[in-house]
Amino acid sequence: MAASSSIKGLTPPTAPIDGSKMRVAIVRTRWNAVVIDALVAGARAELVRCGVAPENVVEIAVPGAYELPLGARAILPSHDPETHLDRGSASEYGRFDAVICIGCLIKGETMHFEYICEAVTNVRSCWPAPLRIASLFLYVPRVPAVGVSLTA
């Protein structure tokens, strides 16, 4: 089946990406380690492919998806909400050029998935413009615990 011309996506960069001078934080959740570990490994591999030195990638764990935006905000320098200008030093981890948040919510029989997705989006939307973070929530029906295999 041919791809529809009405479906648009990101076009690959035409110039090589030089991440050699970048410092990146990966804020990841502790829950759902099988899924998260695979996603973190993939993110690290892509960063290295883009020239980011492995020692310039710092991994920070937070308890769950609800804490992802709070963890990201804690490691970013302070910003003045009126002027959006940097007015403080970075966290104990130092300064970062990018922050990647990796978490996983699995839809179960309760409304937990919806509550946490909404809460994460609402917390994130209160930040000043330069600190906006994209969130991607995927609905994946609950999978049986036995026989599940994930690879990076």
Foldseek 3Di string as FASTA:
>chain_A
DDDDPVDDDDDDDPDQAACQPFAEEEEEAPPPCQVGVQVVVVVLVVSVVSNHDSVSYHYHYDHALLCQVVVVVQQAADADLVPRDGDGFGHPVHHGPYYHYDHDDADDDDCPLVVSVVNSVVVQVPDRPVSHDDDDHDHDHDDDPPPDDDHD
